[in-house]
Structures are given as C-alpha cells and as structure tokens.
PDB file of all heavy atoms in Angstrom:
ATOM      1  N   PHE A   1       1.618   5.171   3.790  1.00  0.00           N
ATOM      2  CA  PHE A   1       2.967   5.351   3.181  1.00  0.00           C
ATOM      3  C   PHE A   1       2.820   5.442   1.649  1.00  0.00           C
ATOM      4  O   PHE A   1       1.750   5.191   1.079  1.00  0.00           O
ATOM      5  CB  PHE A   1       3.835   4.100   3.523  1.00  0.00           C
ATOM      6  CG  PHE A   1       4.139   3.937   4.984  1.00  0.00           C
ATOM      7  CD1 PHE A   1       3.527   2.900   5.680  1.00  0.00           C
ATOM      8  CD2 PHE A   1       4.969   4.813   5.622  1.00  0.00           C
ATOM      9  CE1 PHE A   1       3.773   2.781   7.043  1.00  0.00           C
ATOM     10  CE2 PHE A   1       5.253   4.738   7.021  1.00  0.00           C
ATOM     11  CZ  PHE A   1       4.682   3.634   7.723  1.00  0.00           C
ATOM     12  N   ARG A   2       3.952   5.844   1.022  1.00  0.00           N
ATOM     13  CA  ARG A   2       3.893   5.765  -0.395  1.00  0.00           C
ATOM     14  C   ARG A   2       3.727   4.346  -0.873  1.00  0.00           C
ATOM     15  O   ARG A   2       4.117   3.398  -0.162  1.00  0.00           O
ATOM     16  CB  ARG A   2       5.164   6.330  -1.021  1.00  0.00           C
ATOM     17  CG  ARG A   2       5.308   7.912  -0.847  1.00  0.00           C
ATOM     18  CD  ARG A   2       6.411   8.411  -1.739  1.00  0.00           C
ATOM     19  NE  ARG A   2       6.758   9.796  -1.427  1.00  0.00           N
ATOM     20  CZ  ARG A   2       7.582  10.511  -2.137  1.00  0.00           C
ATOM     21  NH1 ARG A   2       8.160  10.070  -3.194  1.00  0.00           N
ATOM     22  NH2 ARG A   2       7.869  11.716  -1.732  1.00  0.00           N
ATOM     23  N   PRO A   3       3.156   4.090  -2.058  1.00  0.00           N
ATOM     24  CA  PRO A   3       2.966   2.722  -2.552  1.00  0.00           C
ATOM     25  C   PRO A   3       4.323   1.943  -2.554  1.00  0.00           C
ATOM     26  O   PRO A   3       5.314   2.506  -2.969  1.00  0.00           O
ATOM     27  CB  PRO A   3       2.368   2.926  -3.953  1.00  0.00           C
ATOM     28  CG  PRO A   3       1.702   4.201  -3.897  1.00  0.00           C
ATOM     29  CD  PRO A   3       2.495   5.066  -2.992  1.00  0.00           C
ATOM     30  N   GLY A   4       4.240   0.750  -2.060  1.00  0.00           N
ATOM     31  CA  GLY A   4       5.418  -0.119  -2.048  1.00  0.00           C
ATOM     32  C   GLY A   4       6.213  -0.110  -0.725  1.00  0.00           C
ATOM     33  O   GLY A   4       6.949  -1.128  -0.537  1.00  0.00           O
ATOM     34  N   VAL A   5       6.006   0.811   0.088  1.00  0.00           N
ATOM     35  CA  VAL A   5       6.828   0.894   1.361  1.00  0.00           C
ATOM     36  C   VAL A   5       6.518  -0.325   2.226  1.00  0.00           C
ATOM     37  O   VAL A   5       7.435  -0.992   2.746  1.00  0.00           O
ATOM     38  CB  VAL A   5       6.557   2.208   2.108  1.00  0.00           C
ATOM     39  CG1 VAL A   5       7.218   2.145   3.517  1.00  0.00           C
ATOM     40  CG2 VAL A   5       7.155   3.363   1.327  1.00  0.00           C
ATOM     41  N   MET A   6       5.198  -0.587   2.442  1.00  0.00           N
ATOM     42  CA  MET A   6       4.801  -1.688   3.352  1.00  0.00           C
ATOM     43  C   MET A   6       5.303  -3.058   2.721  1.00  0.00           C
ATOM     44  O   MET A   6       5.707  -3.965   3.445  1.00  0.00           O
ATOM     45  CB  MET A   6       3.318  -1.719   3.590  1.00  0.00           C
ATOM     46  CG  MET A   6       2.817  -0.538   4.374  1.00  0.00           C
ATOM     47  SD  MET A   6       3.188  -0.689   6.175  1.00  0.00           S
ATOM     48  CE  MET A   6       1.812  -1.755   6.671  1.00  0.00           C
ATOM     49  N   ASP A   7       5.233  -3.154   1.411  1.00  0.00           N
ATOM     50  CA  ASP A   7       5.734  -4.407   0.783  1.00  0.00           C
ATOM     51  C   ASP A   7       7.253  -4.562   0.992  1.00  0.00           C
ATOM     52  O   ASP A   7       7.676  -5.726   1.312  1.00  0.00           O
ATOM     53  CB  ASP A   7       5.502  -4.345  -0.738  1.00  0.00           C
ATOM     54  CG  ASP A   7       4.036  -4.478  -1.077  1.00  0.00           C
ATOM     55  OD1 ASP A   7       3.320  -5.274  -0.434  1.00  0.00           O
ATOM     56  OD2 ASP A   7       3.559  -3.728  -2.006  1.00  0.00           O
ATOM     57  N   ARG A   8       8.033  -3.529   0.916  1.00  0.00           N
ATOM     58  CA  ARG A   8       9.474  -3.604   1.213  1.00  0.00           C
ATOM     59  C   ARG A   8       9.775  -4.005   2.636  1.00  0.00           C
ATOM     60  O   ARG A   8      10.783  -4.672   2.900  1.00  0.00           O
ATOM     61  CB  ARG A   8      10.160  -2.367   0.820  1.00  0.00           C
ATOM     62  CG  ARG A   8      10.183  -2.052  -0.701  1.00  0.00           C
ATOM     63  CD  ARG A   8      11.158  -0.943  -1.086  1.00  0.00           C
ATOM     64  NE  ARG A   8      10.744   0.322  -0.607  1.00  0.00           N
ATOM     65  CZ  ARG A   8       9.929   1.119  -1.297  1.00  0.00           C
ATOM     66  NH1 ARG A   8       9.414   0.755  -2.428  1.00  0.00           N
ATOM     67  NH2 ARG A   8       9.670   2.313  -0.747  1.00  0.00           N
ATOM     68  N   LEU A   9       8.861  -3.619   3.564  1.00  0.00           N
ATOM     69  CA  LEU A   9       9.026  -4.014   4.915  1.00  0.00           C
ATOM     70  C   LEU A   9       8.640  -5.478   5.192  1.00  0.00           C
ATOM     71  O   LEU A   9       8.918  -5.946   6.290  1.00  0.00           O
ATOM     72  CB  LEU A   9       8.230  -3.030   5.822  1.00  0.00           C
ATOM     73  CG  LEU A   9       8.741  -1.578   5.884  1.00  0.00           C
ATOM     74  CD1 LEU A   9       7.703  -0.749   6.583  1.00  0.00           C
ATOM     75  CD2 LEU A   9      10.068  -1.499   6.644  1.00  0.00           C
ATOM     76  N   GLY A  10       7.958  -6.001   4.182  1.00  0.00           N
ATOM     77  CA  GLY A  10       7.501  -7.382   4.410  1.00  0.00           C
ATOM     78  C   GLY A  10       6.099  -7.488   5.069  1.00  0.00           C
ATOM     79  O   GLY A  10       5.692  -8.579   5.501  1.00  0.00           O
ATOM     80  N   ILE A  11       5.386  -6.389   5.137  1.00  0.00           N
ATOM     81  CA  ILE A  11       4.073  -6.347   5.814  1.00  0.00           C
ATOM     82  C   ILE A  11       3.049  -5.700   4.818  1.00  0.00           C
ATOM     83  O   ILE A  11       2.131  -5.019   5.278  1.00  0.00           O
ATOM     84  CB  ILE A  11       4.144  -5.691   7.158  1.00  0.00           C
ATOM     85  CG1 ILE A  11       4.790  -4.380   7.129  1.00  0.00           C
ATOM     86  CG2 ILE A  11       4.761  -6.606   8.183  1.00  0.00           C
ATOM     87  CD1 ILE A  11       4.768  -3.578   8.325  1.00  0.00           C
ATOM     88  N   GLY A  12       3.227  -5.892   3.534  1.00  0.00           N
ATOM     89  CA  GLY A  12       2.215  -5.399   2.595  1.00  0.00           C
ATOM     90  C   GLY A  12       0.986  -6.291   2.563  1.00  0.00           C
ATOM     91  O   GLY A  12       0.909  -7.276   3.333  1.00  0.00           O
ATOM     92  N   TYR A  13       0.033  -5.888   1.687  1.00  0.00           N
ATOM     93  CA  TYR A  13      -1.279  -6.598   1.729  1.00  0.00           C
ATOM     94  C   TYR A  13      -1.162  -8.152   1.531  1.00  0.00           C
ATOM     95  O   TYR A  13      -1.749  -8.948   2.279  1.00  0.00           O
ATOM     96  CB  TYR A  13      -2.243  -6.034   0.681  1.00  0.00           C
ATOM     97  CG  TYR A  13      -3.535  -6.763   0.587  1.00  0.00           C
ATOM     98  CD1 TYR A  13      -4.355  -6.941   1.668  1.00  0.00           C
ATOM     99  CD2 TYR A  13      -3.861  -7.356  -0.632  1.00  0.00           C
ATOM    100  CE1 TYR A  13      -5.559  -7.607   1.603  1.00  0.00           C
ATOM    101  CE2 TYR A  13      -5.057  -8.032  -0.760  1.00  0.00           C
ATOM    102  CZ  TYR A  13      -5.898  -8.165   0.363  1.00  0.00           C
ATOM    103  OH  TYR A  13      -7.102  -8.918   0.243  1.00  0.00           O
ATOM    104  N   GLU A  14      -0.375  -8.526   0.557  1.00  0.00           N
ATOM    105  CA  GLU A  14      -0.317  -9.982   0.227  1.00  0.00           C
ATOM    106  C   GLU A  14       0.337 -10.819   1.411  1.00  0.00           C
ATOM    107  O   GLU A  14      -0.190 -11.825   1.777  1.00  0.00           O
ATOM    108  CB  GLU A  14       0.473 -10.207  -1.015  1.00  0.00           C
ATOM    109  CG  GLU A  14      -0.201  -9.676  -2.229  1.00  0.00           C
ATOM    110  CD  GLU A  14      -1.491 -10.330  -2.603  1.00  0.00           C
ATOM    111  OE1 GLU A  14      -1.750 -11.504  -2.112  1.00  0.00           O
ATOM    112  OE2 GLU A  14      -2.386  -9.688  -3.220  1.00  0.00           O
ATOM    113  N   ALA A  15       1.354 -10.185   2.038  1.00  0.00           N
ATOM    114  CA  ALA A  15       1.988 -10.871   3.110  1.00  0.00           C
ATOM    115  C   ALA A  15       0.999 -10.971   4.351  1.00  0.00           C
ATOM    116  O   ALA A  15       0.984 -12.016   4.967  1.00  0.00           O
ATOM    117  CB  ALA A  15       3.256 -10.155   3.489  1.00  0.00           C
ATOM    118  N   LEU A  16       0.303  -9.894   4.659  1.00  0.00           N
ATOM    119  CA  LEU A  16      -0.531  -9.921   5.779  1.00  0.00           C
ATOM    120  C   LEU A  16      -1.839 -10.756   5.510  1.00  0.00           C
ATOM    121  O   LEU A  16      -2.332 -11.383   6.424  1.00  0.00           O
ATOM    122  CB  LEU A  16      -0.915  -8.486   6.080  1.00  0.00           C
ATOM    123  CG  LEU A  16       0.244  -7.642   6.619  1.00  0.00           C
ATOM    124  CD1 LEU A  16      -0.288  -6.219   6.984  1.00  0.00           C
ATOM    125  CD2 LEU A  16       1.013  -8.260   7.737  1.00  0.00           C
ATOM    126  N   ARG A  17      -2.319 -10.697   4.318  1.00  0.00           N
ATOM    127  CA  ARG A  17      -3.424 -11.558   3.946  1.00  0.00           C
ATOM    128  C   ARG A  17      -3.176 -13.061   4.134  1.00  0.00           C
ATOM    129  O   ARG A  17      -4.032 -13.831   4.513  1.00  0.00           O
ATOM    130  CB  ARG A  17      -3.932 -11.265   2.524  1.00  0.00           C
ATOM    131  CG  ARG A  17      -5.182 -12.050   2.164  1.00  0.00           C
ATOM    132  CD  ARG A  17      -5.646 -11.648   0.746  1.00  0.00           C
ATOM    133  NE  ARG A  17      -4.746 -12.075  -0.281  1.00  0.00           N
ATOM    134  CZ  ARG A  17      -5.119 -12.178  -1.566  1.00  0.00           C
ATOM    135  NH1 ARG A  17      -6.354 -11.797  -1.914  1.00  0.00           N
ATOM    136  NH2 ARG A  17      -4.209 -12.560  -2.517  1.00  0.00           N
ATOM    137  N   ALA A  18      -1.871 -13.415   3.904  1.00  0.00           N
ATOM    138  CA  ALA A  18      -1.488 -14.781   4.135  1.00  0.00           C
ATOM    139  C   ALA A  18      -1.660 -15.170   5.546  1.00  0.00           C
ATOM    140  O   ALA A  18      -1.901 -16.344   5.892  1.00  0.00           O
ATOM    141  CB  ALA A  18      -0.081 -15.009   3.641  1.00  0.00           C
ATOM    142  N   VAL A  19      -1.461 -14.223   6.487  1.00  0.00           N
ATOM    143  CA  VAL A  19      -1.580 -14.512   7.886  1.00  0.00           C
ATOM    144  C   VAL A  19      -3.071 -14.460   8.255  1.00  0.00           C
ATOM    145  O   VAL A  19      -3.520 -15.258   9.151  1.00  0.00           O
ATOM    146  CB  VAL A  19      -0.830 -13.380   8.703  1.00  0.00           C
ATOM    147  CG1 VAL A  19      -1.050 -13.668  10.221  1.00  0.00           C
ATOM    148  CG2 VAL A  19       0.656 -13.473   8.382  1.00  0.00           C
ATOM    149  N   ASN A  20      -3.816 -13.532   7.760  1.00  0.00           N
ATOM    150  CA  ASN A  20      -5.235 -13.360   8.112  1.00  0.00           C
ATOM    151  C   ASN A  20      -6.055 -13.116   6.818  1.00  0.00           C
ATOM    152  O   ASN A  20      -6.149 -11.962   6.399  1.00  0.00           O
ATOM    153  CB  ASN A  20      -5.397 -12.224   9.092  1.00  0.00           C
ATOM    154  CG  ASN A  20      -6.801 -11.994   9.561  1.00  0.00           C
ATOM    155  OD1 ASN A  20      -7.750 -12.603   9.065  1.00  0.00           O
ATOM    156  ND2 ASN A  20      -6.926 -11.140  10.554  1.00  0.00           N
ATOM    157  N   PRO A  21      -6.653 -14.116   6.257  1.00  0.00           N
ATOM    158  CA  PRO A  21      -7.448 -13.939   5.020  1.00  0.00           C
ATOM    159  C   PRO A  21      -8.658 -13.014   5.126  1.00  0.00           C
ATOM    160  O   PRO A  21      -9.120 -12.432   4.192  1.00  0.00           O
ATOM    161  CB  PRO A  21      -7.884 -15.334   4.622  1.00  0.00           C
ATOM    162  CG  PRO A  21      -6.978 -16.274   5.392  1.00  0.00           C
ATOM    163  CD  PRO A  21      -6.631 -15.503   6.667  1.00  0.00           C
ATOM    164  N   ARG A  22      -9.139 -12.784   6.354  1.00  0.00           N
ATOM    165  CA  ARG A  22     -10.235 -11.906   6.603  1.00  0.00           C
ATOM    166  C   ARG A  22      -9.896 -10.419   6.769  1.00  0.00           C
ATOM    167  O   ARG A  22     -10.686  -9.586   6.984  1.00  0.00           O
ATOM    168  CB  ARG A  22     -11.079 -12.411   7.838  1.00  0.00           C
ATOM    169  CG  ARG A  22     -11.848 -13.681   7.651  1.00  0.00           C
ATOM    170  CD  ARG A  22     -12.363 -14.080   9.016  1.00  0.00           C
ATOM    171  NE  ARG A  22     -13.118 -13.100   9.678  1.00  0.00           N
ATOM    172  CZ  ARG A  22     -14.397 -12.786   9.474  1.00  0.00           C
ATOM    173  NH1 ARG A  22     -15.096 -13.508   8.529  1.00  0.00           N
ATOM    174  NH2 ARG A  22     -15.070 -11.857  10.128  1.00  0.00           N
ATOM    175  N   LEU A  23      -8.627 -10.180   6.654  1.00  0.00           N
ATOM    176  CA  LEU A  23      -8.053  -8.789   6.861  1.00  0.00           C
ATOM    177  C   LEU A  23      -8.547  -7.866   5.813  1.00  0.00           C
ATOM    178  O   LEU A  23      -8.603  -8.090   4.605  1.00  0.00           O
ATOM    179  CB  LEU A  23      -6.513  -8.880   6.905  1.00  0.00           C
ATOM    180  CG  LEU A  23      -5.859  -7.521   7.207  1.00  0.00           C
ATOM    181  CD1 LEU A  23      -6.086  -7.178   8.697  1.00  0.00           C
ATOM    182  CD2 LEU A  23      -4.356  -7.604   6.859  1.00  0.00           C
ATOM    183  N   ILE A  24      -8.964  -6.635   6.243  1.00  0.00           N
ATOM    184  CA  ILE A  24      -9.252  -5.519   5.376  1.00  0.00           C
ATOM    185  C   ILE A  24      -8.120  -4.528   5.488  1.00  0.00           C
ATOM    186  O   ILE A  24      -7.747  -4.112   6.505  1.00  0.00           O
ATOM    187  CB  ILE A  24     -10.601  -4.870   5.892  1.00  0.00           C
ATOM    188  CG1 ILE A  24     -11.760  -5.813   5.640  1.00  0.00           C
ATOM    189  CG2 ILE A  24     -10.810  -3.479   5.105  1.00  0.00           C
ATOM    190  CD1 ILE A  24     -13.065  -5.395   6.264  1.00  0.00           C
ATOM    191  N   TYR A  25      -7.534  -4.287   4.292  1.00  0.00           N
ATOM    192  CA  TYR A  25      -6.202  -3.547   4.314  1.00  0.00           C
ATOM    193  C   TYR A  25      -6.562  -2.223   3.471  1.00  0.00           C
ATOM    194  O   TYR A  25      -6.878  -2.271   2.306  1.00  0.00           O
ATOM    195  CB  TYR A  25      -5.204  -4.343   3.538  1.00  0.00           C
ATOM    196  CG  TYR A  25      -3.794  -3.749   3.544  1.00  0.00           C
ATOM    197  CD1 TYR A  25      -2.803  -4.230   4.323  1.00  0.00           C
ATOM    198  CD2 TYR A  25      -3.512  -2.615   2.674  1.00  0.00           C
ATOM    199  CE1 TYR A  25      -1.494  -3.699   4.234  1.00  0.00           C
ATOM    200  CE2 TYR A  25      -2.270  -2.120   2.653  1.00  0.00           C
ATOM    201  CZ  TYR A  25      -1.327  -2.622   3.469  1.00  0.00           C
ATOM    202  OH  TYR A  25       0.073  -2.047   3.344  1.00  0.00           O
ATOM    203  N   CYS A  26      -6.395  -1.074   4.195  1.00  0.00           N
ATOM    204  CA  CYS A  26      -6.705   0.229   3.540  1.00  0.00           C
ATOM    205  C   CYS A  26      -5.478   1.045   3.426  1.00  0.00           C
ATOM    206  O   CYS A  26      -4.771   1.305   4.386  1.00  0.00           O
ATOM    207  CB  CYS A  26      -7.758   0.921   4.346  1.00  0.00           C
ATOM    208  SG  CYS A  26      -8.194   2.574   3.770  1.00  0.00           S
ATOM    209  N   THR A  27      -5.078   1.375   2.215  1.00  0.00           N
ATOM    210  CA  THR A  27      -3.973   2.264   2.003  1.00  0.00           C
ATOM    211  C   THR A  27      -4.471   3.591   1.443  1.00  0.00           C
ATOM    212  O   THR A  27      -5.346   3.629   0.550  1.00  0.00           O
ATOM    213  CB  THR A  27      -2.969   1.615   0.998  1.00  0.00           C
ATOM    214  OG1 THR A  27      -1.810   2.478   0.821  1.00  0.00           O
ATOM    215  CG2 THR A  27      -3.511   1.290  -0.339  1.00  0.00           C
ATOM    216  N   ILE A  28      -3.891   4.693   1.923  1.00  0.00           N
ATOM    217  CA  ILE A  28      -4.194   6.018   1.541  1.00  0.00           C
ATOM    218  C   ILE A  28      -2.926   6.683   0.993  1.00  0.00           C
ATOM    219  O   ILE A  28      -1.887   6.709   1.649  1.00  0.00           O
ATOM    220  CB  ILE A  28      -4.737   6.825   2.695  1.00  0.00           C
ATOM    221  CG1 ILE A  28      -5.839   6.135   3.410  1.00  0.00           C
ATOM    222  CG2 ILE A  28      -5.214   8.201   2.164  1.00  0.00           C
ATOM    223  CD1 ILE A  28      -6.229   6.772   4.760  1.00  0.00           C
ATOM    224  N   SER A  29      -3.021   7.136  -0.271  1.00  0.00           N
ATOM    225  CA  SER A  29      -1.871   7.876  -0.772  1.00  0.00           C
ATOM    226  C   SER A  29      -2.388   8.996  -1.699  1.00  0.00           C
ATOM    227  O   SER A  29      -3.625   9.166  -1.930  1.00  0.00           O
ATOM    228  CB  SER A  29      -0.982   6.902  -1.659  1.00  0.00           C
ATOM    229  OG  SER A  29      -1.806   6.323  -2.726  1.00  0.00           O
ATOM    230  N   GLY A  30      -1.421   9.803  -2.213  1.00  0.00           N
ATOM    231  CA  GLY A  30      -1.826  10.961  -3.012  1.00  0.00           C
ATOM    232  C   GLY A  30      -2.473  10.572  -4.244  1.00  0.00           C
ATOM    233  O   GLY A  30      -3.533  11.202  -4.673  1.00  0.00           O
ATOM    234  N   PHE A  31      -2.064   9.470  -4.931  1.00  0.00           N
ATOM    235  CA  PHE A  31      -2.562   9.200  -6.302  1.00  0.00           C
ATOM    236  C   PHE A  31      -3.041   7.686  -6.400  1.00  0.00           C
ATOM    237  O   PHE A  31      -3.444   7.369  -7.524  1.00  0.00           O
ATOM    238  CB  PHE A  31      -1.541   9.510  -7.269  1.00  0.00           C
ATOM    239  CG  PHE A  31      -1.119  11.007  -7.267  1.00  0.00           C
ATOM    240  CD1 PHE A  31      -0.041  11.391  -6.427  1.00  0.00           C
ATOM    241  CD2 PHE A  31      -1.829  11.893  -8.035  1.00  0.00           C
ATOM    242  CE1 PHE A  31       0.254  12.739  -6.413  1.00  0.00           C
ATOM    243  CE2 PHE A  31      -1.493  13.183  -7.974  1.00  0.00           C
ATOM    244  CZ  PHE A  31      -0.427  13.661  -7.111  1.00  0.00           C
ATOM    245  N   GLY A  32      -2.966   6.957  -5.413  1.00  0.00           N
ATOM    246  CA  GLY A  32      -3.407   5.521  -5.429  1.00  0.00           C
ATOM    247  C   GLY A  32      -2.231   4.647  -5.806  1.00  0.00           C
ATOM    248  O   GLY A  32      -1.071   5.154  -5.985  1.00  0.00           O
ATOM    249  N   SER A  33      -2.407   3.381  -5.717  1.00  0.00           N
ATOM    250  CA  SER A  33      -1.295   2.429  -5.856  1.00  0.00           C
ATOM    251  C   SER A  33      -1.009   1.964  -7.277  1.00  0.00           C
ATOM    252  O   SER A  33      -0.079   1.181  -7.493  1.00  0.00           O
ATOM    253  CB  SER A  33      -1.594   1.190  -5.002  1.00  0.00           C
ATOM    254  OG  SER A  33      -2.766   0.525  -5.446  1.00  0.00           O
ATOM    255  N   THR A  34      -1.802   2.532  -8.243  1.00  0.00           N
ATOM    256  CA  THR A  34      -1.474   2.234  -9.671  1.00  0.00           C
ATOM    257  C   THR A  34      -1.470   3.523 -10.496  1.00  0.00           C
ATOM    258  O   THR A  34      -1.869   4.553  -9.916  1.00  0.00           O
ATOM    259  CB  THR A  34      -2.588   1.290 -10.270  1.00  0.00           C
ATOM    260  OG1 THR A  34      -3.875   1.934 -10.178  1.00  0.00           O
ATOM    261  CG2 THR A  34      -2.592  -0.035  -9.521  1.00  0.00           C
ATOM    262  N   GLY A  35      -1.077   3.466 -11.735  1.00  0.00           N
ATOM    263  CA  GLY A  35      -1.024   4.684 -12.531  1.00  0.00           C
ATOM    264  C   GLY A  35       0.321   5.329 -12.567  1.00  0.00           C
ATOM    265  O   GLY A  35       1.222   5.090 -11.692  1.00  0.00           O
ATOM    266  N   PRO A  36       0.487   6.209 -13.516  1.00  0.00           N
ATOM    267  CA  PRO A  36       1.879   6.834 -13.722  1.00  0.00           C
ATOM    268  C   PRO A  36       2.304   7.766 -12.600  1.00  0.00           C
ATOM    269  O   PRO A  36       3.503   8.004 -12.464  1.00  0.00           O
ATOM    270  CB  PRO A  36       1.685   7.582 -15.079  1.00  0.00           C
ATOM    271  CG  PRO A  36       0.177   7.856 -15.153  1.00  0.00           C
ATOM    272  CD  PRO A  36      -0.435   6.614 -14.575  1.00  0.00           C
ATOM    273  N   PHE A  37       1.336   8.282 -11.803  1.00  0.00           N
ATOM    274  CA  PHE A  37       1.754   9.121 -10.735  1.00  0.00           C
ATOM    275  C   PHE A  37       1.741   8.464  -9.326  1.00  0.00           C
ATOM    276  O   PHE A  37       1.847   9.128  -8.323  1.00  0.00           O
ATOM    277  CB  PHE A  37       0.758  10.344 -10.636  1.00  0.00           C
ATOM    278  CG  PHE A  37       0.962  11.375 -11.715  1.00  0.00           C
ATOM    279  CD1 PHE A  37       0.753  11.076 -13.058  1.00  0.00           C
ATOM    280  CD2 PHE A  37       1.495  12.663 -11.338  1.00  0.00           C
ATOM    281  CE1 PHE A  37       0.972  12.055 -14.000  1.00  0.00           C
ATOM    282  CE2 PHE A  37       1.737  13.591 -12.335  1.00  0.00           C
ATOM    283  CZ  PHE A  37       1.445  13.325 -13.668  1.00  0.00           C
ATOM    284  N   ARG A  38       1.727   7.154  -9.348  1.00  0.00           N
ATOM    285  CA  ARG A  38       1.548   6.387  -8.103  1.00  0.00           C
ATOM    286  C   ARG A  38       2.662   6.699  -7.029  1.00  0.00           C
ATOM    287  O   ARG A  38       2.403   6.708  -5.882  1.00  0.00           O
ATOM    288  CB  ARG A  38       1.562   4.902  -8.372  1.00  0.00           C
ATOM    289  CG  ARG A  38       2.816   4.323  -8.949  1.00  0.00           C
ATOM    290  CD  ARG A  38       2.639   2.830  -9.313  1.00  0.00           C
ATOM    291  NE  ARG A  38       2.429   2.052  -8.140  1.00  0.00           N
ATOM    292  CZ  ARG A  38       3.452   1.433  -7.427  1.00  0.00           C
ATOM    293  NH1 ARG A  38       4.663   1.701  -7.701  1.00  0.00           N
ATOM    294  NH2 ARG A  38       3.145   0.694  -6.427  1.00  0.00           N
ATOM    295  N   ASN A  39       3.897   7.003  -7.514  1.00  0.00           N
ATOM    296  CA  ASN A  39       5.006   7.229  -6.559  1.00  0.00           C
ATOM    297  C   ASN A  39       5.171   8.710  -6.182  1.00  0.00           C
ATOM    298  O   ASN A  39       6.083   8.966  -5.431  1.00  0.00           O
ATOM    299  CB  ASN A  39       6.280   6.673  -7.155  1.00  0.00           C
ATOM    300  CG  ASN A  39       6.306   5.138  -7.318  1.00  0.00           C
ATOM    301  OD1 ASN A  39       5.838   4.483  -6.308  1.00  0.00           O
ATOM    302  ND2 ASN A  39       6.678   4.587  -8.391  1.00  0.00           N
ATOM    303  N   GLU A  40       4.285   9.544  -6.679  1.00  0.00           N
ATOM    304  CA  GLU A  40       4.428  11.011  -6.331  1.00  0.00           C
ATOM    305  C   GLU A  40       3.889  11.265  -4.934  1.00  0.00           C
ATOM    306  O   GLU A  40       2.875  10.614  -4.465  1.00  0.00           O
ATOM    307  CB  GLU A  40       3.741  11.923  -7.303  1.00  0.00           C
ATOM    308  CG  GLU A  40       4.474  12.049  -8.618  1.00  0.00           C
ATOM    309  CD  GLU A  40       4.215  13.438  -9.311  1.00  0.00           C
ATOM    310  OE1 GLU A  40       3.630  14.311  -8.611  1.00  0.00           O
ATOM    311  OE2 GLU A  40       4.540  13.579 -10.457  1.00  0.00           O
ATOM    312  N   ALA A  41       4.526  12.105  -4.184  1.00  0.00           N
ATOM    313  CA  ALA A  41       4.073  12.462  -2.828  1.00  0.00           C
ATOM    314  C   ALA A  41       2.713  13.217  -2.965  1.00  0.00           C
ATOM    315  O   ALA A  41       2.473  14.004  -3.899  1.00  0.00           O
ATOM    316  CB  ALA A  41       5.098  13.356  -2.222  1.00  0.00           C
ATOM    317  N   GLY A  42       1.880  12.992  -2.057  1.00  0.00           N
ATOM    318  CA  GLY A  42       0.601  13.625  -1.921  1.00  0.00           C
ATOM    319  C   GLY A  42       0.462  14.524  -0.763  1.00  0.00           C
ATOM    320  O   GLY A  42       0.454  14.059   0.375  1.00  0.00           O
ATOM    321  N   TYR A  43       0.462  15.884  -0.929  1.00  0.00           N
ATOM    322  CA  TYR A  43       0.214  16.800   0.116  1.00  0.00           C
ATOM    323  C   TYR A  43      -1.044  17.518  -0.109  1.00  0.00           C
ATOM    324  O   TYR A  43      -1.429  17.785  -1.302  1.00  0.00           O
ATOM    325  CB  TYR A  43       1.369  17.745   0.280  1.00  0.00           C
ATOM    326  CG  TYR A  43       2.677  17.080   0.724  1.00  0.00           C
ATOM    327  CD1 TYR A  43       3.612  16.600  -0.179  1.00  0.00           C
ATOM    328  CD2 TYR A  43       2.893  16.980   2.069  1.00  0.00           C
ATOM    329  CE1 TYR A  43       4.776  15.985   0.252  1.00  0.00           C
ATOM    330  CE2 TYR A  43       4.082  16.314   2.519  1.00  0.00           C
ATOM    331  CZ  TYR A  43       5.016  15.799   1.598  1.00  0.00           C
ATOM    332  OH  TYR A  43       6.157  15.186   2.068  1.00  0.00           O
ATOM    333  N   ASP A  44      -1.711  17.926   0.932  1.00  0.00           N
ATOM    334  CA  ASP A  44      -3.015  18.629   0.844  1.00  0.00           C
ATOM    335  C   ASP A  44      -2.931  19.842  -0.178  1.00  0.00           C
ATOM    336  O   ASP A  44      -3.855  19.790  -1.041  1.00  0.00           O
ATOM    337  CB  ASP A  44      -3.408  19.099   2.128  1.00  0.00           C
ATOM    338  CG  ASP A  44      -4.767  19.797   2.140  1.00  0.00           C
ATOM    339  OD1 ASP A  44      -5.855  19.126   2.116  1.00  0.00           O
ATOM    340  OD2 ASP A  44      -4.810  21.094   2.044  1.00  0.00           O
TER     341      ASP A  44
END
C-alpha cells in the first residue's frame, strides 16, 4: 500500500510488532516510506 495506509487501519509495523516482536515487516512502494516523494503512486 502507499505509506501510512496500514497505520491508518491499525495494523502498521509498530502495532503488529507489539503483538509479535519477532515479526519481519516488508513494505514495498514506489519511493519508500520516507522522503519528499513518499506519498506518490509508483507504477512500473
């Protein structure tokens, strides 16, 4: 999803890590979760 979507649903990394500290959480987006373009859509 775009950065922030999972957080708004209540199942972002911090929320899920609290349930399972051994969790590996991988997010894929066009530009990454930080930086000025973080919210831009990423298409091939």
